[in-house]
Amino acid sequence: MTKRWKSSESTVTSLYYHLLWCPKYQREVLVDDVAVRLKELLDEKAKTIDLEIVSYEIMPDCVHLLVRARPEDSPHFLIQQLKSYTSHAMRIEFPSLKSRLPTLWTRNYYCCTVGRFSDDDINRFIESQRNI
């Protein structure tokens, strides 16, 4: 488990978000190779924007992430970066996505700050979503 607090010269922060978004029309397209590639792309983009993905669950019709963010990055910025990067790459690599959907992701997303729960609680919740 990683250290809960991030610090710099002048700040100490603990910013965790539970992020969720879906493919357009909630189509069940995030399966098999698409799901594997999506995880790789999320990891790639997270590194470039200095975002830590604590855990994720890729379900056929939605993406759940628990992320640890910097205070200068808004949740909207993080979502926009992750969705645009993955959509662009995946629609090139998987032409079937382009033919089935006008855009890969909906405009909507869910974001919840995670403060009073432990990382383990949130990880269990995200993992439990697959069983619903």
C-alpha atoms as a PDB file:
ATOM      1  CA  MET A   1       0.000   0.000   0.000  1.00  0.00           C
ATOM      2  CA  THR A   2       1.244   3.478  -0.804  1.00  0.00           C
ATOM      3  CA  LYS A   3       1.750   6.278   1.674  1.00  0.00           C
ATOM      4  CA  ARG A   4      -1.604   8.024   2.207  1.00  0.00           C
ATOM      5  CA  TRP A   5      -0.235  11.597   2.151  1.00  0.00           C
ATOM      6  CA  LYS A   6       1.509  13.468  -0.641  1.00  0.00           C
ATOM      7  CA  SER A   7       3.710  16.359   0.334  1.00  0.00           C
ATOM      8  CA  SER A   8       5.678  19.118  -1.293  1.00  0.00           C
ATOM      9  CA  GLU A   9       7.613  22.047   0.148  1.00  0.00           C
ATOM     10  CA  SER A  10       4.471  23.815   1.282  1.00  0.00           C
ATOM     11  CA  THR A  11       1.589  21.309   1.235  1.00  0.00           C
ATOM     12  CA  VAL A  12       0.434  17.984   2.548  1.00  0.00           C
ATOM     13  CA  THR A  13      -2.542  16.491   0.703  1.00  0.00           C
ATOM     14  CA  SER A  14      -4.629  13.365   0.528  1.00  0.00           C
ATOM     15  CA  LEU A  15      -6.941  13.703  -2.459  1.00  0.00           C
ATOM     16  CA  TYR A  16      -8.666  10.538  -3.579  1.00  0.00           C
ATOM     17  CA  TYR A  17     -11.503  10.369  -6.091  1.00  0.00           C
ATOM     18  CA  HIS A  18     -13.784   7.586  -7.143  1.00  0.00           C
ATOM     19  CA  LEU A  19     -14.370   8.166 -10.869  1.00  0.00           C
ATOM     20  CA  LEU A  20     -16.883   6.377 -13.039  1.00  0.00           C
ATOM     21  CA  TRP A  21     -17.902   6.738 -16.686  1.00  0.00           C
ATOM     22  CA  CYS A  22     -19.604   4.661 -19.357  1.00  0.00           C
ATOM     23  CA  PRO A  23     -19.420   3.986 -23.074  1.00  0.00           C
ATOM     24  CA  LYS A  24     -21.983   5.763 -25.223  1.00  0.00           C
ATOM     25  CA  TYR A  25     -25.448   4.192 -24.832  1.00  0.00           C
ATOM     26  CA  GLN A  26     -23.930   2.055 -22.054  1.00  0.00           C
ATOM     27  CA  ARG A  27     -23.009  -0.515 -24.660  1.00  0.00           C
ATOM     28  CA  GLU A  28     -21.120  -3.525 -23.342  1.00  0.00           C
ATOM     29  CA  VAL A  29     -17.989  -3.028 -25.422  1.00  0.00           C
ATOM     30  CA  LEU A  30     -15.308  -3.044 -22.699  1.00  0.00           C
ATOM     31  CA  VAL A  31     -14.530  -6.757 -22.893  1.00  0.00           C
ATOM     32  CA  ASP A  32     -11.602  -9.026 -23.752  1.00  0.00           C
ATOM     33  CA  ASP A  33      -8.783  -7.246 -25.639  1.00  0.00           C
ATOM     34  CA  VAL A  34     -10.595  -3.905 -25.426  1.00  0.00           C
ATOM     35  CA  ALA A  35     -10.635  -4.040 -21.605  1.00  0.00           C
ATOM     36  CA  VAL A  36      -6.991  -5.083 -21.425  1.00  0.00           C
ATOM     37  CA  ARG A  37      -5.926  -2.287 -23.762  1.00  0.00           C
ATOM     38  CA  LEU A  38      -8.045   0.245 -21.879  1.00  0.00           C
ATOM     39  CA  LYS A  39      -6.161  -0.543 -18.642  1.00  0.00           C
ATOM     40  CA  GLU A  40      -2.835  -0.087 -20.436  1.00  0.00           C
ATOM     41  CA  LEU A  41      -3.933   3.250 -21.901  1.00  0.00           C
ATOM     42  CA  LEU A  42      -5.241   4.481 -18.552  1.00  0.00           C
ATOM     43  CA  ASP A  43      -1.892   3.639 -16.948  1.00  0.00           C
ATOM     44  CA  GLU A  44       0.011   5.400 -19.760  1.00  0.00           C
ATOM     45  CA  LYS A  45      -2.025   8.587 -19.485  1.00  0.00           C
ATOM     46  CA  ALA A  46      -1.963   8.578 -15.683  1.00  0.00           C
ATOM     47  CA  LYS A  47       1.837   8.616 -15.761  1.00  0.00           C
ATOM     48  CA  THR A  48       1.924  11.599 -18.124  1.00  0.00           C
ATOM     49  CA  ILE A  49      -0.401  13.687 -15.921  1.00  0.00           C
ATOM     50  CA  ASP A  50       1.109  12.540 -12.597  1.00  0.00           C
ATOM     51  CA  LEU A  51      -2.032  10.723 -11.492  1.00  0.00           C
ATOM     52  CA  GLU A  52      -1.900   7.581  -9.380  1.00  0.00           C
ATOM     53  CA  ILE A  53      -4.478   4.934 -10.203  1.00  0.00           C
ATOM     54  CA  VAL A  54      -4.929   3.057  -6.940  1.00  0.00           C
ATOM     55  CA  SER A  55      -7.369   0.536  -8.380  1.00  0.00           C
ATOM     56  CA  TYR A  56      -9.724   0.057 -11.253  1.00  0.00           C
ATOM     57  CA  GLU A  57     -12.478  -2.201 -12.409  1.00  0.00           C
ATOM     58  CA  ILE A  58     -13.267  -2.342 -16.103  1.00  0.00           C
ATOM     59  CA  MET A  59     -16.756  -3.707 -16.539  1.00  0.00           C
ATOM     60  CA  PRO A  60     -18.378  -4.351 -19.933  1.00  0.00           C
ATOM     61  CA  ASP A  61     -20.455  -1.165 -19.642  1.00  0.00           C
ATOM     62  CA  CYS A  62     -18.506   1.126 -17.280  1.00  0.00           C
ATOM     63  CA  VAL A  63     -15.136   2.100 -15.841  1.00  0.00           C
ATOM     64  CA  HIS A  64     -14.533   2.519 -12.083  1.00  0.00           C
ATOM     65  CA  LEU A  65     -11.299   4.125 -10.887  1.00  0.00           C
ATOM     66  CA  LEU A  66      -9.939   5.019  -7.493  1.00  0.00           C
ATOM     67  CA  VAL A  67      -7.323   7.693  -8.108  1.00  0.00           C
ATOM     68  CA  ARG A  68      -4.987   9.780  -6.009  1.00  0.00           C
ATOM     69  CA  ALA A  69      -4.608  13.268  -7.438  1.00  0.00           C
ATOM     70  CA  ARG A  70      -2.542  16.409  -7.056  1.00  0.00           C
ATOM     71  CA  PRO A  71      -4.355  19.442  -5.610  1.00  0.00           C
ATOM     72  CA  GLU A  72      -3.775  21.457  -8.787  1.00  0.00           C
ATOM     73  CA  ASP A  73      -5.732  18.971 -10.944  1.00  0.00           C
ATOM     74  CA  SER A  74      -9.508  19.211 -10.900  1.00  0.00           C
ATOM     75  CA  PRO A  75     -11.587  16.037 -11.257  1.00  0.00           C
ATOM     76  CA  HIS A  76     -13.004  17.426 -14.507  1.00  0.00           C
ATOM     77  CA  PHE A  77      -9.500  17.850 -15.936  1.00  0.00           C
ATOM     78  CA  LEU A  78      -8.553  14.292 -14.943  1.00  0.00           C
ATOM     79  CA  ILE A  79     -11.672  12.772 -16.490  1.00  0.00           C
ATOM     80  CA  GLN A  80     -11.269  14.813 -19.666  1.00  0.00           C
ATOM     81  CA  GLN A  81      -7.644  13.719 -20.039  1.00  0.00           C
ATOM     82  CA  LEU A  82      -8.365  10.027 -19.443  1.00  0.00           C
ATOM     83  CA  LYS A  83     -11.467   9.856 -21.624  1.00  0.00           C
ATOM     84  CA  SER A  84     -10.065  11.764 -24.599  1.00  0.00           C
ATOM     85  CA  TYR A  85      -6.759   9.877 -24.618  1.00  0.00           C
ATOM     86  CA  THR A  86      -8.361   6.440 -24.368  1.00  0.00           C
ATOM     87  CA  SER A  87     -11.132   7.212 -26.837  1.00  0.00           C
ATOM     88  CA  HIS A  88      -8.749   8.421 -29.521  1.00  0.00           C
ATOM     89  CA  ALA A  89      -6.367   5.468 -29.208  1.00  0.00           C
ATOM     90  CA  MET A  90      -9.011   2.773 -28.859  1.00  0.00           C
ATOM     91  CA  ARG A  91     -11.109   3.924 -31.816  1.00  0.00           C
ATOM     92  CA  ILE A  92      -7.986   3.677 -33.995  1.00  0.00           C
ATOM     93  CA  GLU A  93      -6.918   0.283 -32.625  1.00  0.00           C
ATOM     94  CA  PHE A  94     -10.420  -1.245 -32.555  1.00  0.00           C
ATOM     95  CA  PRO A  95     -12.335  -0.185 -35.686  1.00  0.00           C
ATOM     96  CA  SER A  96     -15.400  -2.083 -34.444  1.00  0.00           C
ATOM     97  CA  LEU A  97     -15.807   0.578 -31.743  1.00  0.00           C
ATOM     98  CA  LYS A  98     -15.899   3.277 -34.382  1.00  0.00           C
ATOM     99  CA  SER A  99     -18.579   1.481 -36.372  1.00  0.00           C
ATOM    100  CA  ARG A 100     -20.757   0.697 -33.319  1.00  0.00           C
ATOM    101  CA  LEU A 101     -20.614   4.048 -31.530  1.00  0.00           C
ATOM    102  CA  PRO A 102     -20.560   7.677 -32.714  1.00  0.00           C
ATOM    103  CA  THR A 103     -18.203   8.438 -29.790  1.00  0.00           C
ATOM    104  CA  LEU A 104     -16.690   5.979 -27.348  1.00  0.00           C
ATOM    105  CA  TRP A 105     -17.651   7.705 -24.088  1.00  0.00           C
ATOM    106  CA  THR A 106     -20.729   9.554 -22.911  1.00  0.00           C
ATOM    107  CA  ARG A 107     -20.264  13.145 -21.798  1.00  0.00           C
ATOM    108  CA  ASN A 108     -21.404  12.157 -18.316  1.00  0.00           C
ATOM    109  CA  TYR A 109     -19.275  10.962 -15.451  1.00  0.00           C
ATOM    110  CA  TYR A 110     -19.500  10.420 -11.716  1.00  0.00           C
ATOM    111  CA  CYS A 111     -16.939  11.738  -9.258  1.00  0.00           C
ATOM    112  CA  CYS A 112     -16.914  11.298  -5.502  1.00  0.00           C
ATOM    113  CA  THR A 113     -14.265  12.452  -3.074  1.00  0.00           C
ATOM    114  CA  VAL A 114     -12.989   9.695  -0.869  1.00  0.00           C
ATOM    115  CA  GLY A 115     -12.014  11.010   2.509  1.00  0.00           C
ATOM    116  CA  ARG A 116     -13.563   9.236   5.426  1.00  0.00           C
ATOM    117  CA  PHE A 117     -13.192   5.726   4.033  1.00  0.00           C
ATOM    118  CA  SER A 118     -10.021   3.715   3.952  1.00  0.00           C
ATOM    119  CA  ASP A 119      -8.370   2.704   0.691  1.00  0.00           C
ATOM    120  CA  ASP A 120      -9.314  -0.894   1.469  1.00  0.00           C
ATOM    121  CA  ASP A 121     -12.995   0.023   1.855  1.00  0.00           C
ATOM    122  CA  ILE A 122     -13.054   1.775  -1.512  1.00  0.00           C
ATOM    123  CA  ASN A 123     -11.081  -0.991  -3.230  1.00  0.00           C
ATOM    124  CA  ARG A 124     -13.557  -3.567  -1.895  1.00  0.00           C
ATOM    125  CA  PHE A 125     -16.463  -1.444  -3.156  1.00  0.00           C
ATOM    126  CA  ILE A 126     -14.954  -1.079  -6.636  1.00  0.00           C
ATOM    127  CA  GLU A 127     -14.177  -4.800  -6.824  1.00  0.00           C
ATOM    128  CA  SER A 128     -17.709  -5.660  -5.649  1.00  0.00           C
ATOM    129  CA  GLN A 129     -19.236  -3.787  -8.593  1.00  0.00           C
ATOM    130  CA  ARG A 130     -18.433  -6.687 -10.881  1.00  0.00           C
ATOM    131  CA  ASN A 131     -20.713  -8.954  -8.807  1.00  0.00           C
ATOM    132  CA  ILE A 132     -23.787  -6.751  -9.090  1.00  0.00           C
END
